[in-house]
Amino acid sequence: MYQTVIEPRVSETDGVGHINNTVVPVWLEAARNDLFRLFMPDLSFDDWKMIILNMNVDYVGQVYFGIDVTVCTWVKRIGNTSLQLYEEIWQDGRLCVKGTVTYVNYDLKKQKSEPIPDLVRKELGSHLY
């Protein structure tokens, strides 16, 4: 499992006093940087590989300003060219968000998906849900 701690910003708070629901997908993506480095070690957009195919987010509890959140990311499924992640956001011991996202390993220059390299596949396997 990958873990990332995020400190909510006051600007991410909405009019009813909790973190706006549009912020959550941004936090989930921010917690994927270690995973992105497996495919693009320098995180260069010149050779970006990870393209989102699908994302689902379930809001199961409110998230508030002033208390850090922990984003937990697991690998749920590894296919030939794609992978699915399972993610959770926790705050103060409460599960607040859960979701999934599916990425394809894609060569933008060739405009086609590519098999996930064996070394990357092995590392992904160590983070299975």
Protein backbone atom coordinates (compact mmCIF):
# COMPACT_ATOMS: atom_id res chain seq x y z
CA MET A 1 0.00 0.00 0.00
CA TYR A 2 1.12 3.51 -0.76
CA GLN A 3 0.30 6.15 1.88
CA THR A 4 0.30 9.93 1.51
CA VAL A 5 -0.60 12.48 4.18
CA ILE A 6 -2.32 15.64 2.96
CA GLU A 7 -2.97 18.78 4.99
CA PRO A 8 -6.33 20.23 3.90
CA ARG A 9 -6.19 23.89 2.91
CA VAL A 10 -8.78 26.45 3.92
CA SER A 11 -9.31 27.22 0.21
CA GLU A 12 -10.51 23.63 -0.27
CA THR A 13 -13.37 24.14 2.19
CA ASP A 14 -16.83 24.84 0.79
CA GLY A 15 -19.75 26.89 2.04
CA VAL A 16 -21.09 24.21 4.37
CA GLY A 17 -17.81 23.77 6.26
CA HIS A 18 -16.31 20.62 4.81
CA ILE A 19 -13.79 19.86 2.06
CA ASN A 20 -15.45 20.34 -1.32
CA ASN A 21 -16.17 17.13 -3.22
CA THR A 22 -14.24 18.41 -6.26
CA VAL A 23 -11.02 18.41 -4.20
CA VAL A 24 -11.09 14.69 -3.42
CA PRO A 25 -10.12 13.43 -6.93
CA VAL A 26 -7.18 15.87 -6.87
CA TRP A 27 -6.00 14.45 -3.53
CA LEU A 28 -6.35 10.89 -4.83
CA GLU A 29 -4.26 11.74 -7.87
CA ALA A 30 -1.62 13.49 -5.74
CA ALA A 31 -1.21 10.26 -3.77
CA ARG A 32 -0.36 8.34 -6.97
CA ASN A 33 3.00 10.03 -7.61
CA ASP A 34 5.06 7.07 -6.36
CA LEU A 35 3.09 4.82 -8.67
CA PHE A 36 3.58 7.22 -11.60
CA ARG A 37 7.35 7.07 -10.98
CA LEU A 38 7.29 3.34 -11.71
CA PHE A 39 6.24 4.13 -15.28
CA MET A 40 8.01 7.51 -15.72
CA PRO A 41 10.88 7.80 -13.18
CA ASP A 42 11.46 11.50 -13.92
CA LEU A 43 7.70 12.26 -14.16
CA SER A 44 8.36 13.85 -17.54
CA PHE A 45 5.35 14.67 -19.67
CA ASP A 46 7.53 14.00 -22.73
CA ASP A 47 7.04 10.27 -22.20
CA TRP A 48 3.93 10.10 -19.98
CA LYS A 49 2.42 6.62 -19.86
CA MET A 50 -0.53 6.63 -17.44
CA ILE A 51 -3.89 7.45 -19.02
CA ILE A 52 -7.10 7.27 -16.96
CA LEU A 53 -9.84 5.07 -18.38
CA ASN A 54 -12.30 5.21 -15.49
CA MET A 55 -12.65 6.70 -12.01
CA ASN A 56 -15.28 6.13 -9.31
CA VAL A 57 -15.46 7.93 -5.98
CA ASP A 58 -17.77 7.11 -3.07
CA TYR A 59 -18.13 9.77 -0.39
CA VAL A 60 -18.86 7.88 2.84
CA GLY A 61 -18.05 10.60 5.39
CA GLN A 62 -17.33 14.31 5.51
CA VAL A 63 -13.76 15.63 5.43
CA TYR A 64 -12.90 18.77 7.37
CA PHE A 65 -10.30 21.52 7.34
CA GLY A 66 -7.75 21.49 10.17
CA ILE A 67 -7.18 17.73 10.38
CA ASP A 68 -4.69 15.92 8.12
CA VAL A 69 -5.97 13.15 5.89
CA THR A 70 -4.22 9.94 4.89
CA VAL A 71 -4.69 8.63 1.37
CA CYS A 72 -4.14 4.88 1.05
CA THR A 73 -3.62 3.40 -2.41
CA TRP A 74 -3.55 -0.29 -3.27
CA VAL A 75 -3.28 -2.13 -6.57
CA LYS A 76 -6.55 -3.98 -7.06
CA ARG A 77 -5.89 -5.61 -10.44
CA ILE A 78 -3.00 -5.86 -12.88
CA GLY A 79 -3.88 -6.62 -16.47
CA ASN A 80 -1.67 -6.91 -19.53
CA THR A 81 -1.70 -3.18 -20.36
CA SER A 82 -3.87 -1.73 -17.59
CA LEU A 83 -4.18 -1.65 -13.82
CA GLN A 84 -6.90 -0.79 -11.36
CA LEU A 85 -6.26 0.92 -8.04
CA TYR A 86 -8.39 0.91 -4.91
CA GLU A 87 -8.08 4.06 -2.80
CA GLU A 88 -9.30 5.29 0.57
CA ILE A 89 -9.11 8.63 2.37
CA TRP A 90 -9.06 8.52 6.16
CA GLN A 91 -9.36 11.41 8.61
CA ASP A 92 -9.16 11.16 12.38
CA GLY A 93 -9.68 7.37 12.30
CA ARG A 94 -12.73 7.58 10.00
CA LEU A 95 -13.06 6.25 6.47
CA CYS A 96 -14.31 9.23 4.46
CA VAL A 97 -13.77 8.30 0.82
CA LYS A 98 -13.24 5.12 -1.16
CA GLY A 99 -12.80 4.72 -4.85
CA THR A 100 -11.26 3.00 -7.82
CA VAL A 101 -9.37 4.22 -10.84
CA THR A 102 -8.26 2.34 -13.93
CA TYR A 103 -5.17 3.35 -15.91
CA VAL A 104 -3.74 2.06 -19.15
CA ASN A 105 -0.02 2.06 -19.93
CA TYR A 106 -0.13 4.09 -23.14
CA ASP A 107 2.45 5.29 -25.64
CA LEU A 108 1.28 8.73 -26.73
CA LYS A 109 3.65 8.84 -29.72
CA LYS A 110 2.49 5.49 -31.11
CA GLN A 111 -1.11 6.11 -29.98
CA LYS A 112 -1.48 2.62 -28.54
CA SER A 113 -1.39 0.77 -25.25
CA GLU A 114 1.69 -1.19 -24.22
CA PRO A 115 2.21 -4.17 -21.92
CA ILE A 116 3.17 -3.26 -18.36
CA PRO A 117 6.92 -4.01 -18.01
CA ASP A 118 7.81 -7.03 -15.85
CA LEU A 119 9.78 -4.99 -13.30
CA VAL A 120 6.89 -2.57 -12.89
CA ARG A 121 4.44 -5.48 -12.66
CA LYS A 122 6.53 -7.03 -9.87
CA GLU A 123 6.55 -3.80 -7.86
CA LEU A 124 2.82 -3.30 -8.40
CA GLY A 125 2.28 -6.84 -7.14
CA SER A 126 3.83 -5.90 -3.81
CA HIS A 127 0.98 -3.41 -3.24
CA LEU A 128 -1.99 -5.68 -3.97
CA TYR A 129 -5.23 -5.10 -2.09
